[in-house]
Amino acid sequence: MAGKIFYRERTKIGTGKKAPRFKLVAVNDIDLKIYAKHLRKQELDQIAEAIGAELVELKVDSKKGGAEEVEV
């Protein structure tokens, strides 16, 4: 694997909307520039496959609105 791409689901998006649901949070060991603010899961999958990276989803704590720590 070339590295890891960390992403999370957006918290302020309604259900049934046709808007991208994910936000890129961080990358590890990858020389990558992302110009979009929000991405669709299919787009994240295509980027990860093209560069040989692993996707890591960060779980969102609905009570606090923040992301939980993920052990890597």
PDB file of N, CA and C in Angstrom:
ATOM      1  N   MET A   1       0.834  -1.188   0.000  1.00  0.00           N
ATOM      2  CA  MET A   1       0.000   0.000   0.000  1.00  0.00           C
ATOM      3  C   MET A   1       0.880   1.253   0.000  1.00  0.00           C
ATOM      4  N   ALA A   2       0.454   2.217  -0.768  1.00  0.00           N
ATOM      5  CA  ALA A   2       1.184   3.479  -0.871  1.00  0.00           C
ATOM      6  C   ALA A   2       0.941   4.366   0.339  1.00  0.00           C
ATOM      7  N   GLY A   3      -0.172   4.233   0.988  1.00  0.00           N
ATOM      8  CA  GLY A   3      -0.491   5.073   2.130  1.00  0.00           C
ATOM      9  C   GLY A   3      -1.944   4.905   2.520  1.00  0.00           C
ATOM     10  N   LYS A   4      -2.434   5.871   3.302  1.00  0.00           N
ATOM     11  CA  LYS A   4      -3.811   5.806   3.777  1.00  0.00           C
ATOM     12  C   LYS A   4      -4.499   7.139   3.531  1.00  0.00           C
ATOM     13  N   ILE A   5      -5.791   7.053   3.230  1.00  0.00           N
ATOM     14  CA  ILE A   5      -6.637   8.225   3.076  1.00  0.00           C
ATOM     15  C   ILE A   5      -7.705   8.146   4.156  1.00  0.00           C
ATOM     16  N   PHE A   6      -7.765   9.147   5.014  1.00  0.00           N
ATOM     17  CA  PHE A   6      -8.733   9.195   6.105  1.00  0.00           C
ATOM     18  C   PHE A   6      -9.873  10.119   5.706  1.00  0.00           C
ATOM     19  N   TYR A   7     -11.102   9.642   5.880  1.00  0.00           N
ATOM     20  CA  TYR A   7     -12.267  10.444   5.528  1.00  0.00           C
ATOM     21  C   TYR A   7     -13.363  10.209   6.550  1.00  0.00           C
ATOM     22  N   ARG A   8     -14.349  11.114   6.551  1.00  0.00           N
ATOM     23  CA  ARG A   8     -15.491  10.969   7.446  1.00  0.00           C
ATOM     24  C   ARG A   8     -16.753  11.425   6.727  1.00  0.00           C
ATOM     25  N   GLU A   9     -17.891  10.980   7.260  1.00  0.00           N
ATOM     26  CA  GLU A   9     -19.165  11.410   6.709  1.00  0.00           C
ATOM     27  C   GLU A   9     -19.469  12.814   7.209  1.00  0.00           C
ATOM     28  N   ARG A  10     -19.994  13.641   6.336  1.00  0.00           N
ATOM     29  CA  ARG A  10     -20.352  15.001   6.726  1.00  0.00           C
ATOM     30  C   ARG A  10     -21.505  14.966   7.720  1.00  0.00           C
ATOM     31  N   THR A  11     -21.504  15.902   8.665  1.00  0.00           N
ATOM     32  CA  THR A  11     -22.524  15.906   9.709  1.00  0.00           C
ATOM     33  C   THR A  11     -23.701  16.815   9.381  1.00  0.00           C
ATOM     34  N   LYS A  12     -23.510  17.834   8.559  1.00  0.00           N
ATOM     35  CA  LYS A  12     -24.578  18.799   8.279  1.00  0.00           C
ATOM     36  C   LYS A  12     -25.151  18.608   6.875  1.00  0.00           C
ATOM     37  N   ILE A  13     -25.554  17.401   6.570  1.00  0.00           N
ATOM     38  CA  ILE A  13     -26.182  17.122   5.280  1.00  0.00           C
ATOM     39  C   ILE A  13     -27.455  16.336   5.546  1.00  0.00           C
ATOM     40  N   GLY A  14     -28.518  16.724   4.891  1.00  0.00           N
ATOM     41  CA  GLY A  14     -29.800  16.063   5.099  1.00  0.00           C
ATOM     42  C   GLY A  14     -29.874  14.737   4.359  1.00  0.00           C
ATOM     43  N   THR A  15     -30.793  13.893   4.777  1.00  0.00           N
ATOM     44  CA  THR A  15     -30.969  12.617   4.101  1.00  0.00           C
ATOM     45  C   THR A  15     -31.724  12.841   2.794  1.00  0.00           C
ATOM     46  N   GLY A  16     -31.400  12.077   1.786  1.00  0.00           N
ATOM     47  CA  GLY A  16     -32.071  12.183   0.508  1.00  0.00           C
ATOM     48  C   GLY A  16     -31.523  13.260  -0.404  1.00  0.00           C
ATOM     49  N   LYS A  17     -30.573  14.032   0.062  1.00  0.00           N
ATOM     50  CA  LYS A  17     -29.962  15.068  -0.766  1.00  0.00           C
ATOM     51  C   LYS A  17     -28.992  14.421  -1.739  1.00  0.00           C
ATOM     52  N   LYS A  18     -28.816  15.034  -2.874  1.00  0.00           N
ATOM     53  CA  LYS A  18     -27.918  14.518  -3.906  1.00  0.00           C
ATOM     54  C   LYS A  18     -26.530  15.161  -3.796  1.00  0.00           C
ATOM     55  N   ALA A  19     -26.128  15.518  -2.601  1.00  0.00           N
ATOM     56  CA  ALA A  19     -24.841  16.170  -2.379  1.00  0.00           C
ATOM     57  C   ALA A  19     -23.797  15.132  -1.952  1.00  0.00           C
ATOM     58  N   PRO A  20     -22.517  15.389  -2.234  1.00  0.00           N
ATOM     59  CA  PRO A  20     -21.457  14.486  -1.762  1.00  0.00           C
ATOM     60  C   PRO A  20     -21.483  14.395  -0.243  1.00  0.00           C
ATOM     61  N   ARG A  21     -21.352  13.176   0.299  1.00  0.00           N
ATOM     62  CA  ARG A  21     -21.538  12.957   1.738  1.00  0.00           C
ATOM     63  C   ARG A  21     -20.264  12.869   2.539  1.00  0.00           C
ATOM     64  N   PHE A  22     -19.081  12.873   1.907  1.00  0.00           N
ATOM     65  CA  PHE A  22     -17.852  12.612   2.642  1.00  0.00           C
ATOM     66  C   PHE A  22     -16.868  13.764   2.530  1.00  0.00           C
ATOM     67  N   LYS A  23     -16.069  13.924   3.573  1.00  0.00           N
ATOM     68  CA  LYS A  23     -15.039  14.958   3.621  1.00  0.00           C
ATOM     69  C   LYS A  23     -13.700  14.279   3.852  1.00  0.00           C
ATOM     70  N   LEU A  24     -12.728  14.646   3.051  1.00  0.00           N
ATOM     71  CA  LEU A  24     -11.378  14.122   3.216  1.00  0.00           C
ATOM     72  C   LEU A  24     -10.759  14.799   4.432  1.00  0.00           C
ATOM     73  N   VAL A  25     -10.198  14.013   5.341  1.00  0.00           N
ATOM     74  CA  VAL A  25      -9.658  14.564   6.584  1.00  0.00           C
ATOM     75  C   VAL A  25      -8.138  14.628   6.545  1.00  0.00           C
ATOM     76  N   ALA A  26      -7.490  13.542   6.119  1.00  0.00           N
ATOM     77  CA  ALA A  26      -6.024  13.501   6.122  1.00  0.00           C
ATOM     78  C   ALA A  26      -5.522  12.412   5.187  1.00  0.00           C
ATOM     79  N   VAL A  27      -4.248  12.534   4.816  1.00  0.00           N
ATOM     80  CA  VAL A  27      -3.582  11.491   4.049  1.00  0.00           C
ATOM     81  C   VAL A  27      -2.254  11.173   4.734  1.00  0.00           C
ATOM     82  N   ASN A  28      -1.801   9.937   4.563  1.00  0.00           N
ATOM     83  CA  ASN A  28      -0.566   9.485   5.189  1.00  0.00           C
ATOM     84  C   ASN A  28       0.308   8.828   4.126  1.00  0.00           C
ATOM     85  N   ASP A  29       1.558   9.269   4.006  1.00  0.00           N
ATOM     86  CA  ASP A  29       2.528   8.705   3.066  1.00  0.00           C
ATOM     87  C   ASP A  29       2.074   8.785   1.613  1.00  0.00           C
ATOM     88  N   ILE A  30       1.355   9.851   1.253  1.00  0.00           N
ATOM     89  CA  ILE A  30       0.884  10.020  -0.123  1.00  0.00           C
ATOM     90  C   ILE A  30       1.149  11.458  -0.550  1.00  0.00           C
ATOM     91  N   ASP A  31       1.698  11.619  -1.745  1.00  0.00           N
ATOM     92  CA  ASP A  31       1.846  12.945  -2.331  1.00  0.00           C
ATOM     93  C   ASP A  31       0.589  13.192  -3.149  1.00  0.00           C
ATOM     94  N   LEU A  32      -0.413  13.823  -2.538  1.00  0.00           N
ATOM     95  CA  LEU A  32      -1.728  13.952  -3.142  1.00  0.00           C
ATOM     96  C   LEU A  32      -2.305  15.323  -2.833  1.00  0.00           C
ATOM     97  N   LYS A  33      -2.869  15.970  -3.848  1.00  0.00           N
ATOM     98  CA  LYS A  33      -3.565  17.240  -3.653  1.00  0.00           C
ATOM     99  C   LYS A  33      -5.027  17.021  -4.030  1.00  0.00           C
ATOM    100  N   ILE A  34      -5.932  17.446  -3.148  1.00  0.00           N
ATOM    101  CA  ILE A  34      -7.364  17.346  -3.388  1.00  0.00           C
ATOM    102  C   ILE A  34      -7.905  18.771  -3.443  1.00  0.00           C
ATOM    103  N   TYR A  35      -8.646  19.083  -4.488  1.00  0.00           N
ATOM    104  CA  TYR A  35      -9.177  20.429  -4.656  1.00  0.00           C
ATOM    105  C   TYR A  35     -10.658  20.533  -4.312  1.00  0.00           C
ATOM    106  N   ALA A  36     -11.334  19.429  -4.123  1.00  0.00           N
ATOM    107  CA  ALA A  36     -12.758  19.432  -3.781  1.00  0.00           C
ATOM    108  C   ALA A  36     -12.936  19.472  -2.268  1.00  0.00           C
ATOM    109  N   LYS A  37     -13.986  20.132  -1.811  1.00  0.00           N
ATOM    110  CA  LYS A  37     -14.285  20.168  -0.377  1.00  0.00           C
ATOM    111  C   LYS A  37     -14.976  18.887   0.070  1.00  0.00           C
ATOM    112  N   HIS A  38     -15.888  18.378  -0.764  1.00  0.00           N
ATOM    113  CA  HIS A  38     -16.666  17.197  -0.422  1.00  0.00           C
ATOM    114  C   HIS A  38     -16.605  16.205  -1.571  1.00  0.00           C
ATOM    115  N   LEU A  39     -16.592  14.919  -1.238  1.00  0.00           N
ATOM    116  CA  LEU A  39     -16.473  13.870  -2.242  1.00  0.00           C
ATOM    117  C   LEU A  39     -17.528  12.794  -2.032  1.00  0.00           C
ATOM    118  N   ARG A  40     -17.832  12.100  -3.090  1.00  0.00           N
ATOM    119  CA  ARG A  40     -18.713  10.937  -3.008  1.00  0.00           C
ATOM    120  C   ARG A  40     -17.859   9.715  -2.704  1.00  0.00           C
ATOM    121  N   LYS A  41     -18.470   8.686  -2.138  1.00  0.00           N
ATOM    122  CA  LYS A  41     -17.738   7.463  -1.785  1.00  0.00           C
ATOM    123  C   LYS A  41     -17.121   6.828  -3.028  1.00  0.00           C
ATOM    124  N   GLN A  42     -17.842   6.839  -4.125  1.00  0.00           N
ATOM    125  CA  GLN A  42     -17.336   6.279  -5.377  1.00  0.00           C
ATOM    126  C   GLN A  42     -16.075   7.029  -5.825  1.00  0.00           C
ATOM    127  N   GLU A  43     -16.047   8.339  -5.649  1.00  0.00           N
ATOM    128  CA  GLU A  43     -14.870   9.127  -6.021  1.00  0.00           C
ATOM    129  C   GLU A  43     -13.681   8.777  -5.126  1.00  0.00           C
ATOM    130  N   LEU A  44     -13.929   8.627  -3.825  1.00  0.00           N
ATOM    131  CA  LEU A  44     -12.865   8.226  -2.904  1.00  0.00           C
ATOM    132  C   LEU A  44     -12.309   6.855  -3.283  1.00  0.00           C
ATOM    133  N   ASP A  45     -13.201   5.923  -3.611  1.00  0.00           N
ATOM    134  CA  ASP A  45     -12.770   4.580  -4.011  1.00  0.00           C
ATOM    135  C   ASP A  45     -11.893   4.629  -5.260  1.00  0.00           C
ATOM    136  N   GLN A  46     -12.275   5.433  -6.237  1.00  0.00           N
ATOM    137  CA  GLN A  46     -11.507   5.539  -7.479  1.00  0.00           C
ATOM    138  C   GLN A  46     -10.135   6.147  -7.238  1.00  0.00           C
ATOM    139  N   ILE A  47     -10.066   7.172  -6.403  1.00  0.00           N
ATOM    140  CA  ILE A  47      -8.779   7.805  -6.085  1.00  0.00           C
ATOM    141  C   ILE A  47      -7.874   6.804  -5.382  1.00  0.00           C
ATOM    142  N   ALA A  48      -8.401   6.108  -4.375  1.00  0.00           N
ATOM    143  CA  ALA A  48      -7.612   5.138  -3.614  1.00  0.00           C
ATOM    144  C   ALA A  48      -7.108   4.010  -4.508  1.00  0.00           C
ATOM    145  N   GLU A  49      -7.953   3.532  -5.403  1.00  0.00           N
ATOM    146  CA  GLU A  49      -7.553   2.454  -6.305  1.00  0.00           C
ATOM    147  C   GLU A  49      -6.462   2.919  -7.269  1.00  0.00           C
ATOM    148  N   ALA A  50      -6.579   4.133  -7.766  1.00  0.00           N
ATOM    149  CA  ALA A  50      -5.614   4.652  -8.733  1.00  0.00           C
ATOM    150  C   ALA A  50      -4.221   4.838  -8.139  1.00  0.00           C
ATOM    151  N   ILE A  51      -4.155   5.207  -6.858  1.00  0.00           N
ATOM    152  CA  ILE A  51      -2.845   5.445  -6.242  1.00  0.00           C
ATOM    153  C   ILE A  51      -2.409   4.309  -5.326  1.00  0.00           C
ATOM    154  N   GLY A  52      -3.244   3.291  -5.191  1.00  0.00           N
ATOM    155  CA  GLY A  52      -2.889   2.143  -4.367  1.00  0.00           C
ATOM    156  C   GLY A  52      -2.932   2.424  -2.880  1.00  0.00           C
ATOM    157  N   ALA A  53      -3.872   3.262  -2.456  1.00  0.00           N
ATOM    158  CA  ALA A  53      -3.981   3.628  -1.042  1.00  0.00           C
ATOM    159  C   ALA A  53      -5.142   2.897  -0.379  1.00  0.00           C
ATOM    160  N   GLU A  54      -5.094   2.867   0.932  1.00  0.00           N
ATOM    161  CA  GLU A  54      -6.160   2.260   1.732  1.00  0.00           C
ATOM    162  C   GLU A  54      -7.069   3.372   2.246  1.00  0.00           C
ATOM    163  N   LEU A  55      -8.380   3.155   2.190  1.00  0.00           N
ATOM    164  CA  LEU A  55      -9.341   4.107   2.732  1.00  0.00           C
ATOM    165  C   LEU A  55      -9.651   3.758   4.180  1.00  0.00           C
ATOM    166  N   VAL A  56      -9.619   4.763   5.058  1.00  0.00           N
ATOM    167  CA  VAL A  56      -9.929   4.568   6.476  1.00  0.00           C
ATOM    168  C   VAL A  56     -11.041   5.540   6.840  1.00  0.00           C
ATOM    169  N   GLU A  57     -12.219   4.987   7.214  1.00  0.00           N
ATOM    170  CA  GLU A  57     -13.339   5.841   7.589  1.00  0.00           C
ATOM    171  C   GLU A  57     -13.258   6.179   9.069  1.00  0.00           C
ATOM    172  N   LEU A  58     -13.339   7.459   9.382  1.00  0.00           N
ATOM    173  CA  LEU A  58     -13.374   7.916  10.761  1.00  0.00           C
ATOM    174  C   LEU A  58     -14.833   7.965  11.199  1.00  0.00           C
ATOM    175  N   LYS A  59     -15.148   7.355  12.315  1.00  0.00           N
ATOM    176  CA  LYS A  59     -16.517   7.327  12.821  1.00  0.00           C
ATOM    177  C   LYS A  59     -16.821   8.651  13.501  1.00  0.00           C
ATOM    178  N   VAL A  60     -18.025   9.178  13.266  1.00  0.00           N
ATOM    179  CA  VAL A  60     -18.441  10.449  13.844  1.00  0.00           C
ATOM    180  C   VAL A  60     -19.295  10.169  15.065  1.00  0.00           C
ATOM    181  N   ASP A  61     -18.968  10.837  16.177  1.00  0.00           N
ATOM    182  CA  ASP A  61     -19.760  10.725  17.395  1.00  0.00           C
ATOM    183  C   ASP A  61     -20.925  11.696  17.277  1.00  0.00           C
ATOM    184  N   SER A  62     -22.130  11.182  17.118  1.00  0.00           N
ATOM    185  CA  SER A  62     -23.296  12.032  16.878  1.00  0.00           C
ATOM    186  C   SER A  62     -23.634  12.926  18.077  1.00  0.00           C
ATOM    187  N   LYS A  63     -23.214  12.549  19.272  1.00  0.00           N
ATOM    188  CA  LYS A  63     -23.500  13.350  20.459  1.00  0.00           C
ATOM    189  C   LYS A  63     -22.658  14.616  20.501  1.00  0.00           C
ATOM    190  N   LYS A  64     -21.371  14.493  20.174  1.00  0.00           N
ATOM    191  CA  LYS A  64     -20.452  15.614  20.289  1.00  0.00           C
ATOM    192  C   LYS A  64     -20.163  16.285  18.953  1.00  0.00           C
ATOM    193  N   GLY A  65     -20.450  15.616  17.844  1.00  0.00           N
ATOM    194  CA  GLY A  65     -20.211  16.197  16.541  1.00  0.00           C
ATOM    195  C   GLY A  65     -18.755  16.076  16.089  1.00  0.00           C
ATOM    196  N   GLY A  66     -17.907  15.435  16.881  1.00  0.00           N
ATOM    197  CA  GLY A  66     -16.504  15.284  16.517  1.00  0.00           C
ATOM    198  C   GLY A  66     -16.192  13.880  16.080  1.00  0.00           C
ATOM    199  N   ALA A  67     -15.017  13.673  15.566  1.00  0.00           N
ATOM    200  CA  ALA A  67     -14.609  12.334  15.121  1.00  0.00           C
ATOM    201  C   ALA A  67     -13.945  11.585  16.273  1.00  0.00           C
ATOM    202  N   GLU A  68     -14.192  10.299  16.352  1.00  0.00           N
ATOM    203  CA  GLU A  68     -13.550   9.482  17.366  1.00  0.00           C
ATOM    204  C   GLU A  68     -12.115   9.188  16.948  1.00  0.00           C
ATOM    205  N   GLU A  69     -11.289   8.831  17.918  1.00  0.00           N
ATOM    206  CA  GLU A  69      -9.931   8.408  17.586  1.00  0.00           C
ATOM    207  C   GLU A  69      -9.962   7.030  16.980  1.00  0.00           C
ATOM    208  N   VAL A  70      -9.155   6.825  15.966  1.00  0.00           N
ATOM    209  CA  VAL A  70      -9.074   5.546  15.302  1.00  0.00           C
ATOM    210  C   VAL A  70      -7.653   5.032  15.457  1.00  0.00           C
ATOM    211  N   GLU A  71      -7.514   3.826  15.988  1.00  0.00           N
ATOM    212  CA  GLU A  71      -6.201   3.240  16.174  1.00  0.00           C
ATOM    213  C   GLU A  71      -5.715   2.672  14.851  1.00  0.00           C
ATOM    214  N   VAL A  72      -4.525   3.077  14.438  1.00  0.00           N
ATOM    215  CA  VAL A  72      -3.972   2.650  13.147  1.00  0.00           C
ATOM    216  C   VAL A  72      -2.781   1.756  13.364  1.00  0.00           C
TER     217      VAL A  72
END
